[in-house]
Structures are given as C-alpha cells and as structure tokens.
Amino acid sequence: MKSRSIIARTATFSLLLLLSASSIAETLTWTGCGISRKAFMAELALAYEKETGVHVELSGGSAAKGIRQVAANNAHMGG
C-alpha cells in the first residue's frame, strides 16, 4: 500500500513538472479525489508553488470528476 502512495506522489509531481516546464499557465488546476487532495496534494501543491512560483488550484469531487474535467479541458490534471 505504501509503495502505491509513493508511486502516485511521484507520478503527480512528475506531471506537475512537465506541465510547468511547458509554461502552460501560471496557475495549474487539479480536480480529483478529495482523500488524495487532503492526504498529499495540498502539501505537494504548496511545495511545488514554493519551488516554481506556479500556483496549483485544487478541487475535490472524485477521480471520475477529475478525468471528466481534464477531458473537457476544464482542468490541467485529474487524480
């Protein structure tokens, strides 16, 4: 279980780096699982903003909502 968490965090951080490197926006949006948001995304977003200056706006709902929001171009990332 712990290895899944590490993989998820690594994948999310890698995606954030990729998105900011391509200068998509000064603010990135993430929509997804509220548990993930509380468990690690909030802390990860703050660390990422401190490192890059790019704000990550988080909203919960569900992983399915995150996928739909990305598919509709209403969010940069879903989780």
N, C-alpha and C. Protein backbone atom coordinates (compact mmCIF):
# COMPACT_ATOMS: atom_id res chain seq x y z
N MET A 1 0.82 -1.19 0.00
CA MET A 1 0.00 0.00 0.00
C MET A 1 0.86 1.25 0.00
N LYS A 2 1.93 1.25 0.78
CA LYS A 2 2.79 2.41 0.86
C LYS A 2 3.48 2.67 -0.48
N SER A 3 3.85 1.62 -1.20
CA SER A 3 4.51 1.80 -2.50
C SER A 3 3.56 2.44 -3.51
N ARG A 4 2.26 2.14 -3.44
CA ARG A 4 1.29 2.80 -4.32
C ARG A 4 1.24 4.29 -4.05
N SER A 5 1.28 4.65 -2.78
CA SER A 5 1.25 6.06 -2.41
C SER A 5 2.48 6.79 -2.95
N ILE A 6 3.62 6.17 -2.83
CA ILE A 6 4.85 6.77 -3.33
C ILE A 6 4.80 6.90 -4.85
N ILE A 7 4.30 5.88 -5.52
CA ILE A 7 4.17 5.93 -6.98
C ILE A 7 3.21 7.04 -7.39
N ALA A 8 2.09 7.15 -6.70
CA ALA A 8 1.10 8.19 -7.03
C ALA A 8 1.69 9.57 -6.83
N ARG A 9 2.40 9.78 -5.76
CA ARG A 9 3.01 11.09 -5.50
C ARG A 9 4.08 11.40 -6.54
N THR A 10 4.89 10.43 -6.88
CA THR A 10 5.93 10.63 -7.87
C THR A 10 5.33 10.95 -9.23
N ALA A 11 4.29 10.22 -9.61
CA ALA A 11 3.64 10.47 -10.90
C ALA A 11 3.01 11.86 -10.94
N THR A 12 2.36 12.24 -9.85
CA THR A 12 1.74 13.56 -9.79
C THR A 12 2.79 14.66 -9.87
N PHE A 13 3.86 14.52 -9.11
CA PHE A 13 4.92 15.52 -9.13
C PHE A 13 5.56 15.61 -10.51
N SER A 14 5.77 14.47 -11.15
CA SER A 14 6.36 14.46 -12.49
C SER A 14 5.46 15.18 -13.48
N LEU A 15 4.15 14.96 -13.37
CA LEU A 15 3.22 15.64 -14.25
C LEU A 15 3.23 17.14 -14.01
N LEU A 16 3.29 17.53 -12.75
CA LEU A 16 3.37 18.96 -12.45
C LEU A 16 4.61 19.58 -13.06
N LEU A 17 5.74 18.92 -12.94
CA LEU A 17 6.97 19.43 -13.54
C LEU A 17 6.85 19.55 -15.05
N LEU A 18 6.28 18.56 -15.68
CA LEU A 18 6.11 18.58 -17.12
C LEU A 18 5.22 19.73 -17.55
N LEU A 19 4.11 19.92 -16.86
CA LEU A 19 3.19 20.99 -17.21
C LEU A 19 3.82 22.37 -17.03
N SER A 20 4.53 22.56 -15.95
CA SER A 20 5.11 23.88 -15.71
C SER A 20 6.29 24.14 -16.65
N ALA A 21 7.01 23.10 -16.99
CA ALA A 21 8.14 23.27 -17.90
C ALA A 21 7.68 23.73 -19.27
N SER A 22 6.47 23.35 -19.65
CA SER A 22 5.97 23.78 -20.95
C SER A 22 5.24 25.11 -20.86
N SER A 23 5.26 25.74 -19.69
CA SER A 23 4.69 27.08 -19.49
C SER A 23 3.23 27.17 -19.91
N ILE A 24 2.44 26.20 -19.52
CA ILE A 24 1.03 26.22 -19.87
C ILE A 24 0.31 27.38 -19.18
N ALA A 25 0.59 27.58 -17.92
CA ALA A 25 -0.12 28.63 -17.18
C ALA A 25 0.64 28.95 -15.91
N GLU A 26 0.32 30.11 -15.34
CA GLU A 26 0.88 30.46 -14.04
C GLU A 26 0.10 29.79 -12.93
N THR A 27 -1.10 29.34 -13.23
CA THR A 27 -1.91 28.58 -12.29
C THR A 27 -2.33 27.29 -12.97
N LEU A 28 -2.07 26.18 -12.31
CA LEU A 28 -2.50 24.88 -12.78
C LEU A 28 -3.70 24.45 -11.96
N THR A 29 -4.59 23.69 -12.56
CA THR A 29 -5.76 23.20 -11.84
C THR A 29 -5.72 21.69 -11.74
N TRP A 30 -6.09 21.19 -10.58
CA TRP A 30 -6.18 19.75 -10.31
C TRP A 30 -7.55 19.47 -9.74
N THR A 31 -8.24 18.51 -10.29
CA THR A 31 -9.53 18.07 -9.78
C THR A 31 -9.45 16.57 -9.57
N GLY A 32 -9.92 16.10 -8.43
CA GLY A 32 -9.86 14.67 -8.20
C GLY A 32 -10.38 14.27 -6.84
N CYS A 33 -9.92 13.14 -6.41
CA CYS A 33 -10.33 12.52 -5.16
C CYS A 33 -10.04 13.43 -3.97
N GLY A 34 -11.08 13.68 -3.18
CA GLY A 34 -10.92 14.53 -2.01
C GLY A 34 -9.95 13.95 -0.99
N ILE A 35 -9.90 12.63 -0.90
CA ILE A 35 -8.97 11.98 0.03
C ILE A 35 -7.54 12.23 -0.40
N SER A 36 -7.26 12.11 -1.70
CA SER A 36 -5.91 12.39 -2.21
C SER A 36 -5.55 13.86 -2.00
N ARG A 37 -6.53 14.72 -2.21
CA ARG A 37 -6.30 16.16 -2.01
C ARG A 37 -5.85 16.43 -0.58
N LYS A 38 -6.55 15.85 0.37
CA LYS A 38 -6.21 16.07 1.78
C LYS A 38 -4.95 15.31 2.19
N ALA A 39 -4.78 14.10 1.65
CA ALA A 39 -3.67 13.24 2.07
C ALA A 39 -2.31 13.76 1.62
N PHE A 40 -2.22 14.24 0.39
CA PHE A 40 -0.90 14.66 -0.09
C PHE A 40 -0.91 15.79 -1.12
N MET A 41 -1.99 16.00 -1.84
CA MET A 41 -1.96 17.01 -2.90
C MET A 41 -1.80 18.43 -2.36
N ALA A 42 -2.43 18.74 -1.26
CA ALA A 42 -2.32 20.09 -0.70
C ALA A 42 -0.87 20.41 -0.35
N GLU A 43 -0.21 19.47 0.30
CA GLU A 43 1.19 19.66 0.68
C GLU A 43 2.08 19.71 -0.57
N LEU A 44 1.82 18.84 -1.50
CA LEU A 44 2.59 18.80 -2.74
C LEU A 44 2.42 20.09 -3.54
N ALA A 45 1.19 20.59 -3.60
CA ALA A 45 0.92 21.83 -4.33
C ALA A 45 1.66 23.02 -3.70
N LEU A 46 1.67 23.08 -2.39
CA LEU A 46 2.38 24.17 -1.71
C LEU A 46 3.89 24.10 -1.95
N ALA A 47 4.45 22.91 -1.88
CA ALA A 47 5.88 22.74 -2.14
C ALA A 47 6.21 23.09 -3.58
N TYR A 48 5.34 22.70 -4.50
CA TYR A 48 5.55 22.98 -5.91
C TYR A 48 5.50 24.49 -6.18
N GLU A 49 4.53 25.17 -5.56
CA GLU A 49 4.42 26.61 -5.74
C GLU A 49 5.65 27.32 -5.16
N LYS A 50 6.12 26.87 -4.02
CA LYS A 50 7.31 27.47 -3.42
C LYS A 50 8.52 27.31 -4.33
N GLU A 51 8.64 26.15 -4.96
CA GLU A 51 9.79 25.85 -5.82
C GLU A 51 9.72 26.57 -7.17
N THR A 52 8.52 26.66 -7.75
CA THR A 52 8.39 27.15 -9.12
C THR A 52 7.67 28.49 -9.27
N GLY A 53 6.90 28.86 -8.25
CA GLY A 53 6.08 30.07 -8.37
C GLY A 53 4.76 29.82 -9.08
N VAL A 54 4.52 28.59 -9.49
CA VAL A 54 3.28 28.23 -10.17
C VAL A 54 2.27 27.73 -9.14
N HIS A 55 1.13 28.40 -9.06
CA HIS A 55 0.08 28.03 -8.11
C HIS A 55 -0.69 26.84 -8.66
N VAL A 56 -1.02 25.89 -7.79
CA VAL A 56 -1.85 24.74 -8.17
C VAL A 56 -3.16 24.86 -7.41
N GLU A 57 -4.23 25.07 -8.14
CA GLU A 57 -5.56 25.17 -7.55
C GLU A 57 -6.16 23.77 -7.46
N LEU A 58 -6.59 23.39 -6.26
CA LEU A 58 -7.10 22.05 -6.02
C LEU A 58 -8.60 22.07 -5.80
N SER A 59 -9.29 21.10 -6.40
CA SER A 59 -10.70 20.90 -6.08
C SER A 59 -10.99 19.42 -6.06
N GLY A 60 -11.81 19.02 -5.10
CA GLY A 60 -12.15 17.62 -4.94
C GLY A 60 -13.38 17.25 -5.72
N GLY A 61 -13.93 16.12 -5.39
CA GLY A 61 -15.13 15.64 -6.05
C GLY A 61 -15.06 14.15 -6.22
N SER A 62 -14.19 13.71 -7.08
CA SER A 62 -13.93 12.28 -7.27
C SER A 62 -12.90 12.13 -8.38
N ALA A 63 -12.32 10.95 -8.46
CA ALA A 63 -11.37 10.69 -9.53
C ALA A 63 -12.08 10.77 -10.88
N ALA A 64 -13.31 10.27 -10.95
CA ALA A 64 -14.07 10.32 -12.20
C ALA A 64 -14.32 11.76 -12.62
N LYS A 65 -14.63 12.62 -11.66
CA LYS A 65 -14.83 14.03 -11.97
C LYS A 65 -13.54 14.63 -12.51
N GLY A 66 -12.42 14.25 -11.91
CA GLY A 66 -11.13 14.75 -12.38
C GLY A 66 -10.87 14.37 -13.83
N ILE A 67 -11.17 13.12 -14.17
CA ILE A 67 -10.98 12.66 -15.54
C ILE A 67 -11.89 13.44 -16.49
N ARG A 68 -13.15 13.61 -16.11
CA ARG A 68 -14.08 14.37 -16.96
C ARG A 68 -13.64 15.82 -17.13
N GLN A 69 -13.15 16.43 -16.06
CA GLN A 69 -12.72 17.83 -16.14
C GLN A 69 -11.51 17.98 -17.07
N VAL A 70 -10.58 17.04 -17.01
CA VAL A 70 -9.41 17.09 -17.91
C VAL A 70 -9.86 16.87 -19.35
N ALA A 71 -10.74 15.90 -19.57
CA ALA A 71 -11.22 15.61 -20.92
C ALA A 71 -11.96 16.80 -21.53
N ALA A 72 -12.62 17.57 -20.68
CA ALA A 72 -13.38 18.74 -21.15
C ALA A 72 -12.51 20.00 -21.18
N ASN A 73 -11.22 19.86 -20.92
CA ASN A 73 -10.28 20.99 -20.85
C ASN A 73 -10.66 22.01 -19.78
N ASN A 74 -11.26 21.53 -18.69
CA ASN A 74 -11.61 22.41 -17.56
C ASN A 74 -10.61 22.29 -16.42
N ALA A 75 -9.67 21.37 -16.53
CA ALA A 75 -8.62 21.19 -15.52
C ALA A 75 -7.37 20.68 -16.23
N HIS A 76 -6.22 21.03 -15.68
CA HIS A 76 -4.95 20.56 -16.25
C HIS A 76 -4.67 19.11 -15.86
N MET A 77 -5.08 18.73 -14.63
CA MET A 77 -4.77 17.40 -14.11
C MET A 77 -5.98 16.84 -13.39
N GLY A 78 -6.11 15.53 -13.43
CA GLY A 78 -7.13 14.83 -12.67
C GLY A 78 -6.47 13.74 -11.86
N GLY A 79 -7.02 13.47 -10.70
CA GLY A 79 -6.39 12.44 -9.88
C GLY A 79 -7.35 11.74 -8.98
